[in-house]
N, C-alpha and C. Protein backbone atom coordinates (compact mmCIF):
# COMPACT_ATOMS: atom_id res chain seq x y z
N UNK A 1 32.07 226.64 128.70
CA UNK A 1 31.35 226.57 130.09
C UNK A 1 31.10 225.19 130.74
N UNK A 2 30.98 224.44 129.92
CA UNK A 2 30.21 223.22 130.57
C UNK A 2 31.86 222.52 130.97
N UNK A 3 32.59 222.43 130.19
CA UNK A 3 33.83 222.15 130.67
C UNK A 3 34.32 222.57 131.82
N UNK A 4 34.42 223.85 132.09
CA UNK A 4 34.63 224.53 133.46
C UNK A 4 34.29 223.91 134.54
N UNK A 5 32.69 223.69 134.45
CA UNK A 5 31.76 223.11 135.56
C UNK A 5 32.07 221.68 135.97
N UNK A 6 32.66 220.97 134.69
CA UNK A 6 33.15 219.44 134.86
C UNK A 6 34.13 219.49 135.48
N UNK A 7 35.24 220.29 135.39
CA UNK A 7 36.44 220.47 135.78
C UNK A 7 36.11 220.79 137.28
N UNK A 8 35.46 221.64 137.70
CA UNK A 8 35.29 222.12 139.11
C UNK A 8 34.50 220.98 139.88
N UNK A 9 33.70 220.44 139.38
CA UNK A 9 33.16 219.10 140.27
C UNK A 9 33.84 217.98 139.85
N UNK A 10 34.92 217.71 139.42
CA UNK A 10 35.48 216.47 139.09
C UNK A 10 35.92 216.01 140.36
N UNK A 11 36.64 216.51 141.23
CA UNK A 11 37.09 216.02 142.47
C UNK A 11 35.91 215.46 143.61
N UNK A 12 35.04 216.10 143.42
CA UNK A 12 33.76 215.93 144.19
C UNK A 12 32.98 214.48 143.65
N UNK A 13 33.11 214.50 142.39
CA UNK A 13 32.78 213.03 141.95
C UNK A 13 33.54 212.13 142.30
N UNK A 14 34.66 212.04 142.44
CA UNK A 14 35.78 211.08 142.75
C UNK A 14 35.83 210.47 143.91
N UNK A 15 35.41 211.75 144.61
CA UNK A 15 35.38 211.33 146.22
C UNK A 15 34.21 210.73 146.63
N UNK A 16 33.08 210.99 145.98
CA UNK A 16 31.69 210.30 146.49
C UNK A 16 32.09 208.89 146.04
N UNK A 17 32.80 208.41 145.02
CA UNK A 17 32.92 207.02 144.65
C UNK A 17 33.77 206.15 145.39
N UNK A 18 34.60 206.77 146.37
CA UNK A 18 35.57 206.11 147.19
C UNK A 18 34.39 205.67 148.17
N UNK A 19 34.86 204.33 148.87
CA UNK A 19 34.62 203.71 149.80
C UNK A 19 35.17 204.16 151.49
N UNK A 20 34.28 204.02 152.31
CA UNK A 20 34.80 204.66 153.63
C UNK A 20 35.93 203.39 154.32
N UNK A 21 36.97 204.12 154.61
CA UNK A 21 37.92 202.86 155.58
C UNK A 21 38.12 203.54 156.79
N UNK A 22 38.45 202.67 157.73
CA UNK A 22 38.96 202.84 159.13
C UNK A 22 40.30 202.67 158.94
N UNK A 23 40.98 203.53 159.70
CA UNK A 23 42.49 203.23 159.56
C UNK A 23 42.86 203.24 161.11
N UNK A 24 43.80 202.45 161.56
CA UNK A 24 44.44 202.33 162.91
C UNK A 24 45.84 203.23 162.97
N UNK A 25 45.55 203.97 163.87
CA UNK A 25 46.62 204.87 164.25
C UNK A 25 47.25 204.70 165.57
N UNK A 26 48.13 203.70 165.62
CA UNK A 26 48.55 203.56 166.84
C UNK A 26 47.26 202.97 168.07
N UNK A 27 47.21 203.58 169.13
CA UNK A 27 46.32 202.99 169.87
C UNK A 27 44.85 203.64 169.71
N UNK A 28 44.90 204.24 168.28
CA UNK A 28 43.35 204.30 168.39
C UNK A 28 42.32 203.46 168.13
N UNK A 29 41.22 203.14 168.66
CA UNK A 29 40.19 202.20 168.66
C UNK A 29 40.07 202.04 166.97
N UNK A 30 39.82 200.66 166.94
CA UNK A 30 39.20 200.40 165.43
C UNK A 30 37.70 200.03 165.73
N UNK A 31 36.71 200.72 164.90
CA UNK A 31 35.32 200.53 164.61
C UNK A 31 34.83 200.00 163.36
N UNK A 32 33.91 199.28 163.94
CA UNK A 32 33.27 198.50 162.69
C UNK A 32 32.38 199.57 162.13
N UNK A 33 32.50 199.93 160.85
CA UNK A 33 31.71 200.96 160.16
C UNK A 33 30.08 200.45 160.42
N UNK A 34 30.00 199.22 159.94
CA UNK A 34 28.57 198.70 159.86
C UNK A 34 27.70 198.88 161.17
N UNK A 35 28.34 198.47 162.41
CA UNK A 35 27.64 198.28 163.65
C UNK A 35 28.17 199.14 164.62
N UNK A 36 28.96 200.10 164.21
CA UNK A 36 29.53 201.37 164.74
C UNK A 36 30.04 200.86 166.42
N UNK A 37 30.24 199.56 166.44
CA UNK A 37 30.93 199.25 167.94
C UNK A 37 32.55 198.85 167.66
N UNK A 38 33.21 199.01 168.71
CA UNK A 38 34.37 198.74 169.05
C UNK A 38 34.84 197.27 168.53
N UNK A 39 35.83 197.13 168.09
CA UNK A 39 36.41 195.99 167.52
C UNK A 39 37.89 195.53 168.19
N UNK A 40 37.92 194.94 169.34
CA UNK A 40 39.28 194.53 169.97
C UNK A 40 39.32 193.32 169.64
N UNK A 41 39.09 192.45 168.82
CA UNK A 41 39.66 191.09 168.36
C UNK A 41 41.00 191.13 168.37
N UNK A 42 41.77 192.28 167.79
CA UNK A 42 43.08 191.80 167.46
C UNK A 42 43.85 192.01 168.75
N UNK A 43 43.32 192.34 170.00
CA UNK A 43 43.98 192.23 171.02
C UNK A 43 43.82 190.75 171.63
N UNK A 44 43.00 190.05 171.35
CA UNK A 44 42.81 188.72 171.73
C UNK A 44 44.02 187.87 171.39
N UNK A 45 44.66 188.24 170.14
CA UNK A 45 45.45 187.35 169.74
C UNK A 45 47.01 187.38 169.89
N UNK A 46 47.43 188.37 170.77
CA UNK A 46 48.55 188.92 171.22
C UNK A 46 49.39 187.91 172.35
N UNK A 47 50.40 187.69 171.70
CA UNK A 47 51.08 186.57 172.70
C UNK A 47 52.09 187.15 173.32
N UNK A 48 52.11 187.00 174.78
CA UNK A 48 53.12 187.52 175.50
C UNK A 48 52.45 188.65 176.39
N UNK A 49 53.43 189.40 177.12
CA UNK A 49 52.93 190.65 177.66
C UNK A 49 53.92 191.40 178.05
N UNK A 50 53.56 193.01 178.13
CA UNK A 50 54.51 193.91 178.30
C UNK A 50 54.80 194.04 179.53
N UNK A 51 54.40 193.49 180.47
CA UNK A 51 54.66 193.55 182.00
C UNK A 51 55.84 192.18 182.58
N UNK A 52 56.89 192.64 183.12
CA UNK A 52 57.63 191.67 183.60
C UNK A 52 57.15 190.65 184.62
N UNK A 53 56.16 191.32 185.21
CA UNK A 53 55.56 190.45 186.57
C UNK A 53 54.08 190.35 185.87
N UNK A 54 53.62 188.93 186.31
CA UNK A 54 52.31 188.64 185.67
C UNK A 54 51.13 188.93 186.75
N UNK A 55 51.23 189.32 187.78
CA UNK A 55 50.05 189.74 188.94
C UNK A 55 50.96 191.26 189.63
N UNK A 56 49.90 191.80 190.18
CA UNK A 56 50.42 192.68 190.74
C UNK A 56 51.25 192.26 192.20
N UNK A 57 51.99 193.05 192.44
CA UNK A 57 52.89 192.31 193.91
C UNK A 57 52.94 193.74 194.92
N UNK A 58 52.32 193.34 196.17
CA UNK A 58 52.39 194.32 197.22
C UNK A 58 53.62 194.95 197.64
N UNK A 59 53.86 196.05 197.93
CA UNK A 59 55.02 196.75 198.31
C UNK A 59 54.60 197.99 199.21
N UNK A 60 55.48 198.59 199.84
CA UNK A 60 55.54 199.71 200.75
C UNK A 60 56.07 200.98 199.99
N UNK A 61 55.43 201.95 199.68
CA UNK A 61 55.86 203.36 199.34
C UNK A 61 55.22 204.26 200.31
N UNK A 62 56.16 205.40 200.86
CA UNK A 62 55.94 206.52 201.58
C UNK A 62 55.26 205.79 202.98
N UNK A 63 55.04 204.67 203.38
CA UNK A 63 54.48 204.20 204.43
C UNK A 63 53.15 203.47 204.23
N UNK A 64 52.54 203.78 202.65
CA UNK A 64 51.28 203.01 202.22
C UNK A 64 51.64 201.84 201.45
N UNK A 65 50.84 200.85 201.48
CA UNK A 65 51.01 199.73 200.77
C UNK A 65 50.11 199.74 199.65
N UNK A 66 50.89 199.37 198.42
CA UNK A 66 50.34 199.48 197.15
C UNK A 66 50.71 198.44 196.47
N UNK A 67 50.14 197.87 195.44
CA UNK A 67 50.57 197.10 194.33
C UNK A 67 50.96 197.35 193.16
N UNK A 68 52.21 196.73 192.47
CA UNK A 68 52.88 197.61 191.17
C UNK A 68 53.14 196.06 190.40
N UNK A 69 53.17 196.17 189.20
CA UNK A 69 54.12 195.47 188.49
C UNK A 69 54.86 196.19 187.67
N UNK A 70 56.11 195.74 186.96
CA UNK A 70 56.88 196.36 186.20
C UNK A 70 56.30 196.23 184.82
N UNK A 71 56.26 197.57 184.22
CA UNK A 71 56.28 197.79 182.69
C UNK A 71 57.19 197.83 181.92
N UNK A 72 57.82 196.49 181.33
CA UNK A 72 59.12 196.36 180.78
C UNK A 72 59.09 197.04 179.14
N UNK A 73 58.16 197.47 178.54
CA UNK A 73 58.04 198.26 177.61
C UNK A 73 58.04 199.51 177.36
N UNK A 74 57.54 200.32 178.80
CA UNK A 74 57.64 201.81 178.95
C UNK A 74 58.50 202.15 180.11
N UNK A 75 59.05 201.13 180.72
CA UNK A 75 59.93 201.28 181.82
C UNK A 75 59.57 202.22 183.02
N UNK A 76 58.60 201.71 183.44
CA UNK A 76 58.01 202.19 184.82
C UNK A 76 57.41 201.19 185.67
N UNK A 77 56.94 201.47 186.88
CA UNK A 77 56.11 200.36 187.80
C UNK A 77 54.84 200.85 187.70
N UNK A 78 53.86 200.13 187.29
CA UNK A 78 52.50 200.31 187.02
C UNK A 78 51.73 199.96 188.47
N UNK A 79 51.20 200.90 188.91
CA UNK A 79 50.33 200.82 190.29
C UNK A 79 49.06 200.41 189.86
N UNK A 80 48.35 199.45 190.65
CA UNK A 80 47.41 198.90 190.50
C UNK A 80 46.14 200.15 190.52
N UNK A 81 46.43 201.06 191.76
CA UNK A 81 45.37 202.16 192.11
C UNK A 81 46.17 203.13 191.92
N UNK A 82 46.06 204.32 191.70
CA UNK A 82 46.76 205.61 191.90
C UNK A 82 47.63 205.92 190.76
N UNK A 83 48.66 206.99 190.93
CA UNK A 83 49.62 207.27 190.06
C UNK A 83 50.84 206.15 189.89
N UNK A 84 51.26 205.79 188.70
CA UNK A 84 52.33 204.88 188.38
C UNK A 84 53.62 205.42 188.69
N UNK A 85 54.40 204.78 189.07
CA UNK A 85 56.00 205.23 189.88
C UNK A 85 56.93 205.48 188.49
N UNK A 86 57.06 206.26 188.01
CA UNK A 86 58.04 206.66 186.82
C UNK A 86 59.62 206.67 187.20
N UNK A 87 59.64 207.38 188.59
CA UNK A 87 60.89 207.45 189.26
C UNK A 87 61.08 207.23 190.57
N UNK A 88 61.90 206.95 191.31
CA UNK A 88 62.09 207.22 192.80
C UNK A 88 63.25 207.56 193.32
N UNK A 89 63.23 208.19 194.59
CA UNK A 89 64.43 208.87 194.97
C UNK A 89 65.60 208.08 194.55
N UNK A 90 66.79 208.77 194.47
CA UNK A 90 68.03 208.28 193.83
C UNK A 90 68.54 207.37 195.33
N UNK A 91 69.11 206.40 194.55
CA UNK A 91 69.59 205.10 195.17
C UNK A 91 68.70 204.53 196.57
N UNK A 92 67.23 205.12 196.45
CA UNK A 92 66.48 203.96 197.27
C UNK A 92 65.79 202.79 196.73
N UNK A 93 65.81 201.71 197.61
CA UNK A 93 65.55 200.59 196.98
C UNK A 93 64.09 200.18 197.16
N UNK A 94 62.99 199.81 196.15
CA UNK A 94 61.79 199.55 196.31
C UNK A 94 61.70 197.69 196.42
N UNK A 95 61.38 197.34 197.86
CA UNK A 95 61.28 195.83 198.03
C UNK A 95 60.08 195.48 197.80
N UNK A 96 59.81 194.38 196.81
CA UNK A 96 58.45 193.71 196.83
C UNK A 96 58.30 192.76 197.68
N UNK A 97 56.93 192.38 197.84
CA UNK A 97 56.63 191.12 198.91
C UNK A 97 57.23 189.98 198.20
N UNK A 98 57.49 189.67 197.12
CA UNK A 98 58.16 188.65 196.45
C UNK A 98 59.74 188.59 196.38
N UNK A 99 60.04 189.46 197.52
CA UNK A 99 61.40 189.53 197.86
C UNK A 99 62.37 189.97 196.51
N UNK A 100 61.82 190.72 195.66
CA UNK A 100 62.40 191.18 194.42
C UNK A 100 62.78 192.77 195.10
N UNK A 101 63.80 193.18 194.75
CA UNK A 101 64.31 194.45 195.00
C UNK A 101 64.84 195.47 193.77
N UNK A 102 64.25 196.48 193.48
CA UNK A 102 64.39 197.02 192.40
C UNK A 102 64.95 198.93 192.77
N UNK A 103 65.75 199.30 191.82
CA UNK A 103 66.18 200.28 192.02
C UNK A 103 66.07 201.22 190.75
N UNK A 104 65.90 202.62 190.97
CA UNK A 104 66.11 203.65 189.88
C UNK A 104 67.32 204.08 189.67
N UNK A 105 67.88 204.06 188.39
CA UNK A 105 69.26 204.79 188.02
C UNK A 105 68.79 205.73 186.81
N UNK A 106 69.35 206.71 186.62
CA UNK A 106 68.82 207.47 185.68
C UNK A 106 67.62 207.37 185.09
N UNK A 107 66.66 207.55 185.79
CA UNK A 107 65.30 207.50 185.49
C UNK A 107 64.92 206.15 184.99
N UNK A 108 65.66 205.06 184.93
CA UNK A 108 65.21 203.49 184.57
C UNK A 108 65.38 202.56 185.91
N UNK A 109 64.26 201.73 185.58
CA UNK A 109 64.21 200.82 186.68
C UNK A 109 64.94 199.49 186.53
N UNK A 110 65.82 199.33 187.65
CA UNK A 110 66.73 197.78 187.29
C UNK A 110 66.32 197.10 188.71
N UNK A 111 66.19 195.80 188.29
CA UNK A 111 66.15 194.67 189.44
C UNK A 111 67.53 194.25 189.81
N UNK A 112 67.56 194.43 191.30
CA UNK A 112 68.74 193.93 191.93
C UNK A 112 68.92 192.57 191.85
N UNK A 113 69.99 191.85 191.76
CA UNK A 113 70.58 190.38 191.59
C UNK A 113 71.21 190.42 192.64
N UNK A 114 72.39 190.99 192.81
CA UNK A 114 73.02 190.19 193.79
C UNK A 114 74.23 191.49 194.03
N UNK A 115 74.65 191.52 195.39
CA UNK A 115 75.58 192.56 195.77
C UNK A 115 77.03 191.67 196.24
N UNK A 116 78.15 191.99 195.31
CA UNK A 116 79.27 191.35 195.76
C UNK A 116 80.30 192.53 195.43
N UNK A 117 81.71 192.31 196.48
CA UNK A 117 82.67 192.78 196.23
C UNK A 117 82.46 194.61 195.65
N UNK A 118 81.47 195.23 196.35
CA UNK A 118 81.35 196.42 195.93
C UNK A 118 80.47 196.83 194.58
N UNK A 119 79.94 195.63 194.21
CA UNK A 119 79.45 195.83 192.81
C UNK A 119 77.91 195.56 193.22
N UNK A 120 77.22 196.06 192.42
CA UNK A 120 75.72 195.65 192.58
C UNK A 120 75.22 195.26 191.03
N UNK A 121 74.89 193.81 190.59
CA UNK A 121 74.47 193.45 189.69
C UNK A 121 72.99 193.52 189.40
N UNK A 122 72.75 193.91 188.41
CA UNK A 122 71.51 194.62 188.13
C UNK A 122 70.99 193.74 186.90
N UNK A 123 69.63 193.66 186.80
CA UNK A 123 68.80 193.27 185.22
C UNK A 123 67.91 194.11 184.82
N UNK A 124 67.72 194.43 183.55
CA UNK A 124 66.90 195.30 183.16
C UNK A 124 66.04 194.79 182.06
N UNK A 125 64.80 194.13 182.26
CA UNK A 125 63.86 193.72 181.54
C UNK A 125 63.44 194.79 180.36
N UNK A 126 63.56 194.54 179.04
CA UNK A 126 63.14 195.16 177.99
C UNK A 126 62.36 194.40 177.33
N UNK A 127 61.02 194.90 177.00
CA UNK A 127 59.90 194.28 176.09
C UNK A 127 59.97 194.60 174.80
N UNK A 128 59.73 194.21 173.87
CA UNK A 128 59.78 194.72 172.22
C UNK A 128 58.57 193.99 171.84
N UNK A 129 57.72 195.08 170.94
CA UNK A 129 56.36 194.51 170.27
C UNK A 129 56.66 194.13 168.87
N UNK A 130 56.34 192.73 168.57
CA UNK A 130 56.50 192.55 167.07
C UNK A 130 55.05 192.51 166.61
N UNK A 131 54.64 193.19 165.46
CA UNK A 131 53.49 193.03 164.87
C UNK A 131 53.09 191.89 164.19
N UNK A 132 51.84 191.45 163.80
CA UNK A 132 51.55 190.02 163.15
C UNK A 132 52.07 190.45 161.76
N UNK A 133 52.31 189.03 161.37
CA UNK A 133 52.89 189.22 160.07
C UNK A 133 51.81 188.20 158.82
N UNK A 134 51.52 188.57 157.72
CA UNK A 134 50.45 187.85 156.96
C UNK A 134 51.49 186.91 156.32
N UNK A 135 51.11 185.66 155.96
CA UNK A 135 51.57 184.75 155.16
C UNK A 135 51.98 185.26 153.59
N UNK A 136 53.20 184.87 153.15
CA UNK A 136 53.92 185.40 151.99
C UNK A 136 54.16 184.29 150.91
N UNK A 137 53.40 183.13 151.21
CA UNK A 137 53.51 181.84 150.72
C UNK A 137 54.77 180.94 151.10
N UNK A 138 55.53 181.69 151.58
CA UNK A 138 56.61 180.49 152.13
C UNK A 138 56.64 180.48 153.73
N UNK A 139 55.77 181.13 154.60
CA UNK A 139 55.58 181.26 155.90
C UNK A 139 54.45 181.53 156.35
N UNK A 140 54.01 181.12 157.43
CA UNK A 140 52.45 181.24 158.11
C UNK A 140 52.39 182.47 158.34
N UNK A 141 51.06 182.73 158.88
CA UNK A 141 50.60 183.71 159.40
C UNK A 141 51.14 183.65 160.83
N UNK A 142 51.49 184.81 161.48
CA UNK A 142 52.04 185.00 162.82
C UNK A 142 51.07 185.90 163.85
N UNK A 143 50.99 185.57 164.97
CA UNK A 143 50.15 186.61 165.92
C UNK A 143 51.20 187.80 166.35
N UNK A 144 50.72 188.83 166.75
CA UNK A 144 51.07 189.96 167.44
C UNK A 144 51.88 189.66 168.74
N UNK A 145 53.20 189.87 168.92
CA UNK A 145 53.26 189.60 170.37
C UNK A 145 54.55 190.15 171.07
N UNK A 146 54.62 190.38 172.27
CA UNK A 146 55.59 190.57 173.00
C UNK A 146 56.48 189.89 173.23
N UNK A 147 58.08 190.12 173.34
CA UNK A 147 59.11 189.36 173.84
C UNK A 147 59.94 190.13 174.60
N UNK A 148 60.29 189.67 175.96
CA UNK A 148 61.24 190.36 176.80
C UNK A 148 62.58 189.84 176.77
N UNK A 149 63.35 190.79 176.56
CA UNK A 149 64.85 190.32 176.70
C UNK A 149 65.55 191.21 177.78
N UNK A 150 66.45 190.44 178.13
CA UNK A 150 67.31 190.83 179.74
C UNK A 150 68.58 191.09 179.36
N UNK A 151 68.89 192.47 179.74
CA UNK A 151 70.19 192.80 179.53
C UNK A 151 70.60 193.01 181.21
N UNK A 152 71.79 192.73 181.31
CA UNK A 152 72.55 192.72 182.71
C UNK A 152 73.62 193.82 182.95
N UNK A 153 73.49 194.43 184.09
CA UNK A 153 74.63 195.66 184.32
C UNK A 153 75.21 195.41 185.36
N UNK A 154 76.18 196.05 185.94
CA UNK A 154 76.78 196.28 187.12
C UNK A 154 77.04 197.87 187.28
N UNK A 155 76.80 197.92 188.82
CA UNK A 155 76.55 199.53 189.27
C UNK A 155 77.84 199.58 190.44
N UNK A 156 78.69 200.11 190.29
CA UNK A 156 79.68 200.56 191.14
C UNK A 156 80.12 201.90 191.34
N UNK A 157 80.11 202.80 192.13
CA UNK A 157 80.31 204.24 192.52
C UNK A 157 79.69 204.94 191.57
N UNK A 158 78.38 204.85 191.40
CA UNK A 158 77.46 205.71 190.32
C UNK A 158 78.06 205.51 188.81
N UNK A 159 78.67 204.29 188.63
CA UNK A 159 78.86 203.99 186.92
C UNK A 159 78.11 202.71 186.76
N UNK A 160 77.49 202.91 185.82
CA UNK A 160 76.49 201.78 185.24
C UNK A 160 77.54 201.16 184.27
N UNK A 161 77.47 199.92 184.07
CA UNK A 161 78.27 199.16 182.79
C UNK A 161 77.50 198.02 182.39
N UNK A 162 77.18 197.91 180.93
CA UNK A 162 76.26 196.97 180.54
C UNK A 162 77.46 195.86 180.54
N UNK A 163 76.98 194.67 180.99
CA UNK A 163 78.01 193.00 181.10
C UNK A 163 77.96 192.65 179.78
N UNK A 164 79.02 191.96 179.47
CA UNK A 164 79.17 191.10 178.19
C UNK A 164 78.69 189.62 178.59
N UNK A 165 78.46 188.93 177.62
CA UNK A 165 78.04 187.42 177.82
C UNK A 165 78.90 186.59 178.65
N UNK A 166 80.29 186.96 178.52
CA UNK A 166 81.10 186.18 179.22
C UNK A 166 81.04 186.49 180.67
N UNK A 167 80.82 187.78 180.97
CA UNK A 167 80.87 188.09 182.38
C UNK A 167 79.66 187.67 183.15
N UNK A 168 78.59 187.61 182.32
CA UNK A 168 77.39 187.23 182.66
C UNK A 168 77.14 185.71 183.08
N UNK A 169 77.94 184.64 182.28
CA UNK A 169 77.76 183.60 182.46
C UNK A 169 79.02 183.10 183.65
N UNK A 170 80.04 183.90 183.78
CA UNK A 170 81.15 183.81 184.98
C UNK A 170 80.66 184.20 186.25
N UNK A 171 79.65 184.99 186.26
CA UNK A 171 78.85 185.55 187.40
C UNK A 171 77.70 184.82 187.90
N UNK A 172 77.28 183.74 187.01
CA UNK A 172 76.21 182.90 187.15
C UNK A 172 74.99 183.83 187.26
N UNK A 173 74.62 185.05 186.57
CA UNK A 173 73.56 185.99 186.76
C UNK A 173 72.23 185.39 186.33
N UNK A 174 72.14 184.61 185.24
CA UNK A 174 71.21 184.02 184.71
C UNK A 174 70.58 183.08 185.46
N UNK A 175 71.15 182.40 185.96
CA UNK A 175 70.56 181.54 187.25
C UNK A 175 69.81 182.01 188.30
N UNK A 176 70.19 183.27 188.83
CA UNK A 176 69.35 184.02 189.94
C UNK A 176 68.05 184.24 189.35
N UNK A 177 67.82 184.29 188.04
CA UNK A 177 66.42 184.66 187.81
C UNK A 177 65.24 183.71 188.10
């Protein structure tokens, strides 16, 4: 009888001896158990940004002036106030006050770099997040960071084509950034 009771209570005894842990599941906030306060210190060390623009830039949408900047990680125009611009009417161009033109194609945003010979040359900034790495004895600790990679495309007659490095160099598209 005593062994049956011990067997039934064994999981509770083990559970009570374990320490409390806080796990980070994506965007869930980290909470310090002792002080019950949010710990946002991990966001202070992030290098770079997921945004293509540093500041919000004015533009006109449906007759109203709003301020936007491009979120290269999630592929949408982030609005400073109000709803974000996830898509735009087909082949309609969004002109920002800093003289940048942006267009949506297949629910993705592209920056228009140049128009030549019935071709429209586009830039697609893509942000990627690299988490921090701890030292393994051979390398140093690294902070988490965002890096933006640029892809170049050509658009003609509703066909979009990824350009190769030779074509980008020949067309001098990197110099237009």
